Amino acid sequence: MIVLSTVTARARQLSCADPNYDAKLARQLGMSVTTPSRVHSKPKPEKGFRVERKSANVTINGVKKKVSYNLYHAAKKPAHGTVVVLGGGPGFVNTDGGRPKDLPKDVDVVVFDYNGVGDNGGKSLPPDQLSIEAEAEMTKGIIKSAKLENYAIYGISFGTTVGTVATSMIEHDPDMTGPKSLVLSGVVSNEPVIDHAAGRAAVANAAWNMLTPKQQTDFKRAYKKITRGMSKKNIELMDQTWVGNLTFSPKRVAKMLNNFSAVVNGKRKPSPPEPMDNAASSDDSLLVSSPQAIRQFRAAGCEMLGNSHEPPSAEKLFGGLIPNRDEQQLGTMCGCPLLSDKAYDSKNYPIEDTPIVYVNSDTDVSTPLQSAKYHFDNQPTDTKFMFVTKNGVHDDLAWRYADCAAPFWHASLVGDLDAVKNAAAGMGTDGCEKAAPVQMASGPGVSR
């Protein structure tokens, strides 16, 4: 899910009625306005996998269109089935990433760009071609064109909205075979009712509790030392940096707290930032590169967010020093009359027959566990299972379980929730490094 950066007041003063609003906003944000969203001449190759560029004739809100997708064939035969990947965003060129590294080598994988960007871009498409439902219609059309039967839909962050809507649509199409399962990682459900402050507090408190009493005292001393004589504005900027760090895992935040204390208190010299590792955040950022991507966000992204603004929180983090508030400004993107005024709510897209597998960390700031539970509680199917990971990050399934999730995916591709539960138990809640041996449940039956 995209997290917006704070932007200038001048950008917020653009006229919503301006037909070039998206291009002008892109210019204000320092993005490219001369080149369209990237289009690839051929699919990104992946060593060991044969890849094909395929096309599908789809109908999106009554408009016929030819779209493209990439099919990565399994490196090991026979393939256990096909995983249809719905990436995060919106506004990103999903095909830039190629074949997701977290999927096992013995499955076929379908990857594509959403309508309006990348390989499926178009100049200033109308809103009804860019909404969540429009992207779901395109997803359904690709699956139908590819004649998939043994497949799972894998929604990541924003992709959980598209996957939910597409699965609901497919269940109501008598000419289609439904997915064996819908796998949702980093679940978006109904943003206006989700308490993101609680998600940030969960990460901050977990990190704080990893410190010894002496380390906690050292941080307080360092914070007070560095803010002494600092202007109120600069203190607020520094506090926002710490709030932004809460998209990382608690373990990494705890390391940051200790490093900060050591540098400020003179116990070590500053060092270059360490590269992200698997404990780093996979939170989406507004790194889109074109007006097309901004336009897609203003349609689908603002539906997802529901034009919500976070209420202030009186809570303070890290020993009572740093306010738990997020100064990100949604008004620039979603403050104009929305390209779509339909706020997304997962319960409006019931799924009755398809098994749903939820994966969410208890310390996911972007999509807090509360969001996954809302989705879970409001879906009528009784074939659903939630795998809650501990002290993780957004889209934990990709970040911490890439090396031990093969049994999980094999079970998902036959719709066997007993086997999915068993595989999840073997994966452990703290990542693959603490995984236990997995004994797959026998039989194709789905637990109810």
Protein backbone atom coordinates (compact mmCIF):
# COMPACT_ATOMS: atom_id res chain seq x y z
CA MET A 1 0.00 0.00 0.00
CA ILE A 2 1.41 3.38 -0.97
CA VAL A 3 2.40 5.73 1.82
CA LEU A 4 2.42 9.34 0.68
CA SER A 5 5.27 11.72 1.40
CA THR A 6 4.66 15.18 2.79
CA VAL A 7 4.52 17.67 -0.08
CA THR A 8 4.48 21.43 -0.42
CA ALA A 9 1.47 23.69 0.11
CA ARG A 10 1.96 24.95 -3.44
CA ALA A 11 1.20 21.49 -4.82
CA ARG A 12 -2.05 21.41 -2.85
CA GLN A 13 -3.12 24.64 -4.57
CA LEU A 14 -3.34 23.08 -8.03
CA SER A 15 -6.78 23.34 -9.60
CA CYS A 16 -8.67 20.06 -9.41
CA ALA A 17 -10.46 21.00 -12.64
CA ASP A 18 -7.20 21.34 -14.55
CA PRO A 19 -7.15 18.66 -17.29
CA ASN A 20 -3.37 18.46 -16.83
CA TYR A 21 -3.64 18.03 -13.05
CA ASP A 22 -1.75 14.71 -13.00
CA ALA A 23 1.17 16.00 -15.07
CA LYS A 24 1.43 19.21 -13.04
CA LEU A 25 1.29 17.30 -9.77
CA ALA A 26 3.99 14.96 -11.08
CA ARG A 27 6.15 18.00 -11.82
CA GLN A 28 5.54 19.39 -8.31
CA LEU A 29 6.65 16.07 -6.83
CA GLY A 30 9.76 15.94 -9.01
CA MET A 31 8.52 13.06 -11.17
CA SER A 32 8.94 12.57 -14.88
CA VAL A 33 6.29 14.23 -17.02
CA THR A 34 7.93 13.74 -20.40
CA THR A 35 8.10 9.97 -20.53
CA PRO A 36 5.16 7.60 -20.09
CA SER A 37 5.01 4.86 -17.51
CA ARG A 38 7.64 2.29 -18.49
CA VAL A 39 6.82 -0.24 -21.19
CA HIS A 40 9.06 -3.26 -21.59
CA SER A 41 9.97 -4.54 -25.05
CA LYS A 42 10.22 -8.02 -23.58
CA PRO A 43 9.66 -9.67 -20.17
CA LYS A 44 12.35 -9.41 -17.52
CA PRO A 45 14.35 -12.66 -17.70
CA GLU A 46 14.86 -14.81 -14.63
CA LYS A 47 17.71 -17.31 -14.53
CA GLY A 48 16.40 -20.86 -14.71
CA PHE A 49 12.87 -19.88 -15.82
CA ARG A 50 11.41 -19.73 -19.30
CA VAL A 51 9.23 -16.65 -19.70
CA GLU A 52 6.65 -15.73 -22.32
CA ARG A 53 4.94 -12.42 -23.09
CA LYS A 54 1.26 -13.26 -23.56
CA SER A 55 -1.76 -11.17 -24.49
CA ALA A 56 -5.40 -11.30 -23.46
CA ASN A 57 -8.52 -9.63 -24.81
CA VAL A 58 -10.41 -8.30 -21.81
CA THR A 59 -13.47 -6.15 -21.21
CA ILE A 60 -13.19 -3.44 -18.55
CA ASN A 61 -16.46 -1.70 -17.71
CA GLY A 62 -17.75 -2.37 -21.21
CA VAL A 63 -14.54 -1.32 -22.99
CA LYS A 64 -12.64 -3.99 -24.91
CA LYS A 65 -8.86 -3.88 -24.66
CA LYS A 66 -5.86 -6.08 -25.39
CA VAL A 67 -3.57 -6.34 -22.38
CA SER A 68 -0.32 -8.20 -21.76
CA TYR A 69 1.01 -10.43 -19.01
CA ASN A 70 4.17 -12.41 -18.40
CA LEU A 71 4.06 -16.16 -17.80
CA TYR A 72 7.07 -17.61 -15.99
CA HIS A 73 7.14 -21.36 -16.45
CA ALA A 74 8.15 -23.54 -13.53
CA ALA A 75 11.83 -24.46 -13.42
CA LYS A 76 10.94 -27.86 -11.99
CA LYS A 77 8.38 -30.10 -13.66
CA PRO A 78 5.65 -30.98 -13.25
CA ALA A 79 4.36 -27.61 -12.11
CA HIS A 80 2.16 -27.70 -9.02
CA GLY A 81 -0.11 -25.05 -10.54
CA THR A 82 -0.11 -21.34 -11.33
CA VAL A 83 0.16 -18.39 -8.95
CA VAL A 84 -1.42 -15.18 -10.26
CA VAL A 85 0.48 -12.32 -8.58
CA LEU A 86 -1.30 -9.04 -7.82
CA GLY A 87 1.34 -6.62 -6.64
CA GLY A 88 1.20 -3.58 -4.39
CA GLY A 89 0.80 0.07 -5.20
CA PRO A 90 -1.17 1.31 -6.98
CA GLY A 91 1.00 3.21 -9.42
CA PHE A 92 3.90 0.77 -9.70
CA VAL A 93 5.18 -1.16 -12.70
CA ASN A 94 4.90 -4.64 -11.22
CA THR A 95 6.68 -6.31 -14.14
CA ASP A 96 9.86 -4.43 -13.19
CA GLY A 97 10.31 -6.98 -10.42
CA GLY A 98 10.12 -9.99 -12.71
CA ARG A 99 9.20 -13.29 -11.09
CA PRO A 100 8.75 -12.90 -7.31
CA LYS A 101 11.68 -14.56 -5.55
CA ASP A 102 9.50 -15.84 -2.70
CA LEU A 103 7.54 -18.29 -4.84
CA PRO A 104 8.77 -21.90 -5.17
CA LYS A 105 10.51 -22.96 -8.37
CA ASP A 106 7.96 -25.65 -9.19
CA VAL A 107 5.00 -23.33 -9.88
CA ASP A 108 4.08 -21.30 -12.95
CA VAL A 109 3.72 -17.59 -12.21
CA VAL A 110 1.64 -14.89 -13.93
CA VAL A 111 2.78 -11.27 -13.45
CA PHE A 112 1.29 -8.17 -15.09
CA ASP A 113 0.95 -4.42 -14.75
CA TYR A 114 -2.36 -2.95 -13.71
CA ASN A 115 -4.43 -1.11 -16.30
CA GLY A 116 -3.06 2.38 -16.79
CA VAL A 117 0.64 1.81 -16.05
CA GLY A 118 3.65 -0.04 -17.42
CA ASP A 119 3.02 -2.58 -20.12
CA ASN A 120 -0.72 -1.90 -19.88
CA GLY A 121 -0.43 1.88 -19.75
CA GLY A 122 -2.54 4.39 -21.59
CA LYS A 123 -2.68 8.16 -21.87
CA SER A 124 -4.97 9.61 -19.21
CA LEU A 125 -7.40 6.72 -19.03
CA PRO A 126 -10.88 7.53 -17.67
CA PRO A 127 -11.52 6.75 -13.98
CA ASP A 128 -13.75 3.74 -14.69
CA GLN A 129 -10.73 2.05 -16.30
CA LEU A 130 -8.49 2.60 -13.26
CA SER A 131 -10.66 1.75 -10.25
CA ILE A 132 -10.18 -1.31 -8.03
CA GLU A 133 -13.12 -2.98 -9.78
CA ALA A 134 -11.58 -2.17 -13.18
CA GLU A 135 -8.29 -3.79 -12.17
CA ALA A 136 -10.24 -6.80 -10.89
CA GLU A 137 -12.08 -7.10 -14.21
CA MET A 138 -8.75 -7.09 -16.03
CA THR A 139 -7.41 -9.75 -13.65
CA LYS A 140 -10.48 -11.90 -14.28
CA GLY A 141 -10.07 -11.43 -18.04
CA ILE A 142 -6.44 -12.51 -17.99
CA ILE A 143 -7.26 -15.63 -15.95
CA LYS A 144 -10.10 -16.49 -18.34
CA SER A 145 -7.97 -15.92 -21.44
CA ALA A 146 -5.17 -18.08 -20.04
CA LYS A 147 -7.73 -20.83 -19.32
CA LEU A 148 -6.33 -21.36 -15.85
CA GLU A 149 -7.91 -24.10 -13.75
CA ASN A 150 -5.36 -25.10 -11.14
CA TYR A 151 -4.38 -21.68 -9.80
CA ALA A 152 -4.20 -19.48 -6.74
CA ILE A 153 -4.57 -15.70 -6.59
CA TYR A 154 -1.84 -14.01 -4.54
CA GLY A 155 -2.70 -10.45 -3.48
CA ILE A 156 -0.03 -8.29 -1.87
CA SER A 157 -0.97 -5.05 -0.05
CA PHE A 158 -3.03 -3.07 -2.62
CA GLY A 159 -3.26 -6.35 -4.54
CA THR A 160 -5.36 -7.78 -1.69
CA THR A 161 -8.16 -5.40 -2.73
CA VAL A 162 -7.94 -6.42 -6.39
CA GLY A 163 -7.69 -10.11 -5.46
CA THR A 164 -10.74 -9.92 -3.20
CA VAL A 165 -12.89 -8.21 -5.85
CA ALA A 166 -11.65 -10.46 -8.67
CA THR A 167 -12.34 -13.65 -6.68
CA SER A 168 -15.84 -12.45 -5.84
CA MET A 169 -16.45 -11.71 -9.53
CA ILE A 170 -15.09 -15.08 -10.67
CA GLU A 171 -17.36 -16.94 -8.24
CA HIS A 172 -20.35 -15.36 -9.98
CA ASP A 173 -19.20 -16.29 -13.50
CA PRO A 174 -20.53 -19.74 -14.43
CA ASP A 175 -18.07 -20.00 -17.31
CA MET A 176 -14.99 -19.78 -15.09
CA THR A 177 -13.18 -22.14 -12.75
CA GLY A 178 -12.56 -20.45 -9.45
CA PRO A 179 -9.13 -20.27 -7.78
CA LYS A 180 -8.06 -23.08 -5.49
CA SER A 181 -7.40 -20.39 -2.90
CA LEU A 182 -7.03 -16.67 -2.41
CA VAL A 183 -3.80 -15.81 -0.55
CA LEU A 184 -3.72 -12.31 0.95
CA SER A 185 -0.50 -10.88 2.41
CA GLY A 186 -0.57 -7.48 4.13
CA VAL A 187 -4.35 -7.17 4.05
CA VAL A 188 -6.28 -4.01 3.15
CA SER A 189 -9.93 -4.09 4.21
CA ASN A 190 -11.59 -0.82 5.28
CA GLU A 191 -8.99 1.89 5.89
CA PRO A 192 -11.17 4.52 7.63
CA VAL A 193 -11.87 2.17 10.55
CA ILE A 194 -8.28 0.92 10.97
CA ASP A 195 -6.18 2.30 13.83
CA HIS A 196 -2.72 2.80 12.31
CA ALA A 197 -1.50 4.50 15.47
CA ALA A 198 -1.98 1.19 17.28
CA GLY A 199 0.11 -0.53 14.60
CA ARG A 200 2.96 1.92 15.07
CA ALA A 201 2.74 1.55 18.84
CA ALA A 202 3.00 -2.23 18.53
CA VAL A 203 6.30 -1.94 16.62
CA ALA A 204 7.68 0.81 18.86
CA ASN A 205 6.82 -1.02 22.08
CA ALA A 206 8.20 -4.32 20.82
CA ALA A 207 11.47 -2.61 19.85
CA TRP A 208 11.65 -0.69 23.14
CA ASN A 209 11.16 -3.86 25.15
CA MET A 210 14.07 -5.49 23.33
CA LEU A 211 16.40 -2.94 24.94
CA THR A 212 17.90 -3.41 28.37
CA PRO A 213 17.05 -0.78 31.02
CA LYS A 214 20.51 0.73 30.49
CA GLN A 215 19.99 0.94 26.72
CA GLN A 216 16.63 2.63 27.27
CA THR A 217 18.30 5.17 29.56
CA ASP A 218 21.07 5.74 27.01
CA PHE A 219 18.51 6.50 24.30
CA LYS A 220 16.60 8.97 26.48
CA ARG A 221 19.86 10.72 27.33
CA ALA A 222 20.90 10.85 23.67
CA TYR A 223 17.49 12.17 22.56
CA LYS A 224 17.49 14.93 25.16
CA LYS A 225 21.10 15.81 24.34
CA ILE A 226 20.53 16.18 20.60
CA THR A 227 17.25 18.09 20.93
CA ARG A 228 18.65 20.56 23.46
CA GLY A 229 18.49 23.97 21.78
CA MET A 230 16.87 22.52 18.63
CA SER A 231 13.92 24.41 17.14
CA LYS A 232 10.43 22.97 17.56
CA LYS A 233 10.15 22.46 13.79
CA ASN A 234 13.40 20.48 13.63
CA ILE A 235 12.38 18.35 16.59
CA GLU A 236 9.13 17.53 14.81
CA LEU A 237 11.05 16.58 11.67
CA MET A 238 13.33 14.29 13.66
CA ASP A 239 10.35 12.74 15.45
CA GLN A 240 8.75 12.05 12.06
CA THR A 241 11.90 10.23 11.00
CA TRP A 242 11.50 7.90 13.97
CA VAL A 243 7.81 7.40 13.18
CA GLY A 244 8.79 6.59 9.59
CA ASN A 245 11.27 3.99 10.85
CA LEU A 246 8.39 2.05 12.38
CA THR A 247 7.72 0.39 9.02
CA PHE A 248 10.82 -1.70 9.79
CA SER A 249 10.78 -4.78 11.98
CA PRO A 250 11.01 -4.28 15.79
CA LYS A 251 14.43 -5.96 15.79
CA ARG A 252 15.75 -3.47 13.26
CA VAL A 253 14.18 -0.50 15.06
CA ALA A 254 15.82 -1.64 18.30
CA LYS A 255 19.18 -1.69 16.51
CA MET A 256 18.52 1.83 15.22
CA LEU A 257 17.76 3.04 18.75
CA ASN A 258 21.04 1.62 20.04
CA ASN A 259 23.05 3.00 17.12
CA PHE A 260 21.53 6.45 17.66
CA SER A 261 22.44 6.35 21.34
CA ALA A 262 26.00 5.22 20.64
CA VAL A 263 26.65 7.96 18.08
CA VAL A 264 25.06 10.85 20.02
CA ASN A 265 26.66 9.80 23.30
CA GLY A 266 30.07 9.67 21.61
CA LYS A 267 30.65 5.91 21.88
CA ARG A 268 31.05 5.40 18.13
CA LYS A 269 31.41 7.41 14.95
CA PRO A 270 28.58 7.74 12.47
CA SER A 271 28.64 5.09 9.77
CA PRO A 272 26.93 4.89 6.36
CA PRO A 273 23.37 3.52 6.43
CA GLU A 274 23.29 -0.23 6.37
CA PRO A 275 21.65 -1.86 3.35
CA MET A 276 18.16 -3.25 3.83
CA ASP A 277 18.08 -6.88 4.79
CA ASN A 278 15.14 -9.23 5.14
CA ALA A 279 14.10 -7.47 8.32
CA ALA A 280 13.66 -4.21 6.45
CA SER A 281 10.37 -2.70 5.44
CA SER A 282 8.64 -3.73 2.25
CA ASP A 283 6.30 -0.79 2.63
CA ASP A 284 5.39 0.78 -0.69
CA SER A 285 6.57 4.35 -1.23
CA LEU A 286 5.48 6.93 -3.74
CA LEU A 287 8.27 6.19 -6.20
CA VAL A 288 6.02 6.20 -9.26
CA SER A 289 7.57 7.83 -12.29
CA SER A 290 4.79 9.28 -14.40
CA PRO A 291 1.46 11.13 -14.50
CA GLN A 292 -0.17 7.82 -15.48
CA ALA A 293 0.90 6.33 -12.18
CA ILE A 294 -0.38 9.33 -10.22
CA ARG A 295 -3.69 9.07 -12.06
CA GLN A 296 -3.98 5.40 -11.18
CA PHE A 297 -3.34 6.21 -7.55
CA ARG A 298 -5.94 8.99 -7.58
CA ALA A 299 -8.49 6.45 -8.79
CA ALA A 300 -7.73 3.10 -7.16
CA GLY A 301 -5.50 4.32 -4.32
CA CYS A 302 -7.99 6.88 -3.07
CA GLU A 303 -10.73 4.24 -3.20
CA MET A 304 -8.52 2.06 -1.03
CA LEU A 305 -7.80 4.84 1.46
CA GLY A 306 -11.36 6.12 1.45
CA ASN A 307 -9.93 9.67 1.61
CA SER A 308 -9.29 8.98 5.28
CA HIS A 309 -7.25 11.20 7.58
CA GLU A 310 -5.72 9.76 10.69
CA PRO A 311 -7.01 11.21 13.98
CA PRO A 312 -4.35 12.58 16.33
CA SER A 313 -2.99 10.32 19.03
CA ALA A 314 -1.95 11.58 22.46
CA GLU A 315 0.31 8.56 22.95
CA LYS A 316 4.08 8.99 23.04
CA LEU A 317 6.59 6.31 22.04
CA PHE A 318 10.09 5.26 23.11
CA GLY A 319 9.86 6.03 26.79
CA GLY A 320 7.35 8.86 26.36
CA LEU A 321 9.57 11.00 24.10
CA ILE A 322 8.15 10.86 20.57
CA PRO A 323 4.51 11.60 19.61
CA ASN A 324 2.71 8.77 17.86
CA ARG A 325 1.43 10.73 14.88
CA ASP A 326 1.94 10.60 11.15
CA GLU A 327 2.20 13.88 9.30
CA GLN A 328 1.74 12.35 5.84
CA GLN A 329 -0.69 14.40 3.78
CA LEU A 330 -3.29 12.57 1.73
CA GLY A 331 -5.02 15.78 0.69
CA THR A 332 -2.79 16.40 -2.31
CA MET A 333 -3.71 13.10 -3.94
CA CYS A 334 -7.18 12.47 -2.58
CA GLY A 335 -8.36 15.96 -1.61
CA CYS A 336 -9.65 16.87 -5.07
CA PRO A 337 -12.98 15.45 -6.20
CA LEU A 338 -11.99 11.82 -6.41
CA LEU A 339 -11.62 10.08 -9.74
CA SER A 340 -13.79 7.53 -7.98
CA ASP A 341 -15.96 8.34 -4.97
CA LYS A 342 -16.46 4.68 -4.06
CA ALA A 343 -14.50 3.86 -0.91
CA TYR A 344 -13.29 0.25 -0.79
CA ASP A 345 -14.73 -2.02 1.88
CA SER A 346 -13.84 -5.71 1.61
CA LYS A 347 -17.16 -6.86 3.06
CA ASN A 348 -18.92 -5.52 -0.05
CA TYR A 349 -17.26 -8.27 -2.09
CA PRO A 350 -18.38 -11.54 -0.50
CA ILE A 351 -16.46 -14.75 -1.17
CA GLU A 352 -18.46 -17.86 -0.44
CA ASP A 353 -16.71 -20.85 -2.00
CA THR A 354 -13.01 -20.04 -2.32
CA PRO A 355 -10.68 -20.82 0.61
CA ILE A 356 -8.99 -17.65 1.86
CA VAL A 357 -5.54 -17.66 3.44
CA TYR A 358 -4.49 -14.53 5.33
CA VAL A 359 -0.88 -13.69 6.20
CA ASN A 360 -0.30 -10.61 8.35
CA SER A 361 2.25 -9.59 10.94
CA ASP A 362 1.17 -8.40 14.35
CA THR A 363 3.57 -5.46 13.86
CA ASP A 364 2.63 -4.46 10.31
CA VAL A 365 2.23 -0.67 10.34
CA SER A 366 0.95 -0.28 6.78
CA THR A 367 -1.79 -2.90 7.11
CA PRO A 368 -2.25 -3.57 10.82
CA LEU A 369 -3.51 -6.94 12.02
CA GLN A 370 -6.83 -5.24 12.75
CA SER A 371 -7.29 -4.80 9.00
CA ALA A 372 -6.78 -8.51 8.28
CA LYS A 373 -9.19 -9.43 11.07
CA TYR A 374 -11.85 -7.09 9.68
CA HIS A 375 -11.54 -8.79 6.28
CA PHE A 376 -11.61 -12.24 7.92
CA ASP A 377 -14.63 -11.52 10.10
CA ASN A 378 -16.71 -10.07 7.27
CA GLN A 379 -16.24 -12.79 4.66
CA PRO A 380 -19.04 -15.39 4.53
CA THR A 381 -16.84 -18.34 3.56
CA ASP A 382 -16.08 -20.67 6.44
CA THR A 383 -13.01 -22.02 4.64
CA LYS A 384 -10.50 -19.44 5.82
CA PHE A 385 -7.33 -19.43 7.84
CA MET A 386 -5.19 -16.63 9.28
CA PHE A 387 -1.44 -17.00 9.75
CA VAL A 388 -0.24 -14.28 12.14
CA THR A 389 3.51 -13.71 12.11
CA LYS A 390 5.36 -12.14 15.02
CA ASN A 391 7.49 -8.99 15.00
CA GLY A 392 7.50 -8.85 11.21
CA VAL A 393 6.90 -6.29 8.48
CA HIS A 394 4.51 -5.50 5.65
CA ASP A 395 4.12 -8.50 3.29
CA ASP A 396 5.96 -10.77 5.70
CA LEU A 397 5.29 -13.80 3.50
CA ALA A 398 7.74 -12.51 0.90
CA TRP A 399 10.29 -11.00 3.26
CA ARG A 400 10.82 -13.70 5.88
CA TYR A 401 9.41 -16.92 4.45
CA ALA A 402 10.79 -17.16 0.93
CA ASP A 403 13.04 -20.09 1.82
CA CYS A 404 10.51 -22.28 3.61
CA ALA A 405 7.11 -21.55 2.04
CA ALA A 406 7.05 -24.21 -0.71
CA PRO A 407 4.73 -26.57 1.26
CA PHE A 408 2.50 -23.58 2.02
CA TRP A 409 2.12 -22.79 -1.68
CA HIS A 410 1.68 -26.42 -2.70
CA ALA A 411 -1.20 -26.72 -0.22
CA SER A 412 -2.71 -23.40 -1.36
CA LEU A 413 -2.70 -24.65 -4.97
CA VAL A 414 -4.95 -27.58 -4.06
CA GLY A 415 -7.15 -25.58 -1.69
CA ASP A 416 -6.29 -27.82 1.26
CA LEU A 417 -6.54 -25.66 4.39
CA ASP A 418 -5.52 -28.51 6.67
CA ALA A 419 -2.25 -28.72 4.75
CA VAL A 420 -1.90 -24.92 4.71
CA LYS A 421 -2.29 -24.82 8.50
CA ASN A 422 0.24 -27.59 8.92
CA ALA A 423 2.70 -25.86 6.60
CA ALA A 424 2.25 -22.56 8.46
CA ALA A 425 2.89 -24.31 11.77
CA GLY A 426 6.12 -25.68 10.33
CA MET A 427 7.17 -22.27 9.03
CA GLY A 428 6.94 -20.78 12.51
CA THR A 429 5.83 -17.27 13.39
CA ASP A 430 9.33 -15.74 13.47
CA GLY A 431 10.60 -16.45 9.96
CA CYS A 432 12.32 -19.36 8.24
CA GLU A 433 15.31 -19.35 10.57
CA LYS A 434 13.08 -20.85 13.27
CA ALA A 435 11.04 -23.08 10.98
CA ALA A 436 10.23 -26.63 12.02
CA PRO A 437 10.12 -29.65 9.69
CA VAL A 438 6.81 -29.82 7.85
CA GLN A 439 4.75 -32.97 7.48
CA MET A 440 2.04 -32.34 4.91
CA ALA A 441 -1.53 -33.26 5.80
CA SER A 442 -2.82 -36.09 3.62
CA GLY A 443 -5.80 -35.88 1.32
CA PRO A 444 -7.26 -33.08 -0.82
CA GLY A 445 -10.03 -32.15 1.60
CA VAL A 446 -10.55 -28.59 2.75
CA SER A 447 -11.10 -28.00 6.44
CA ARG A 448 -14.36 -26.28 7.26
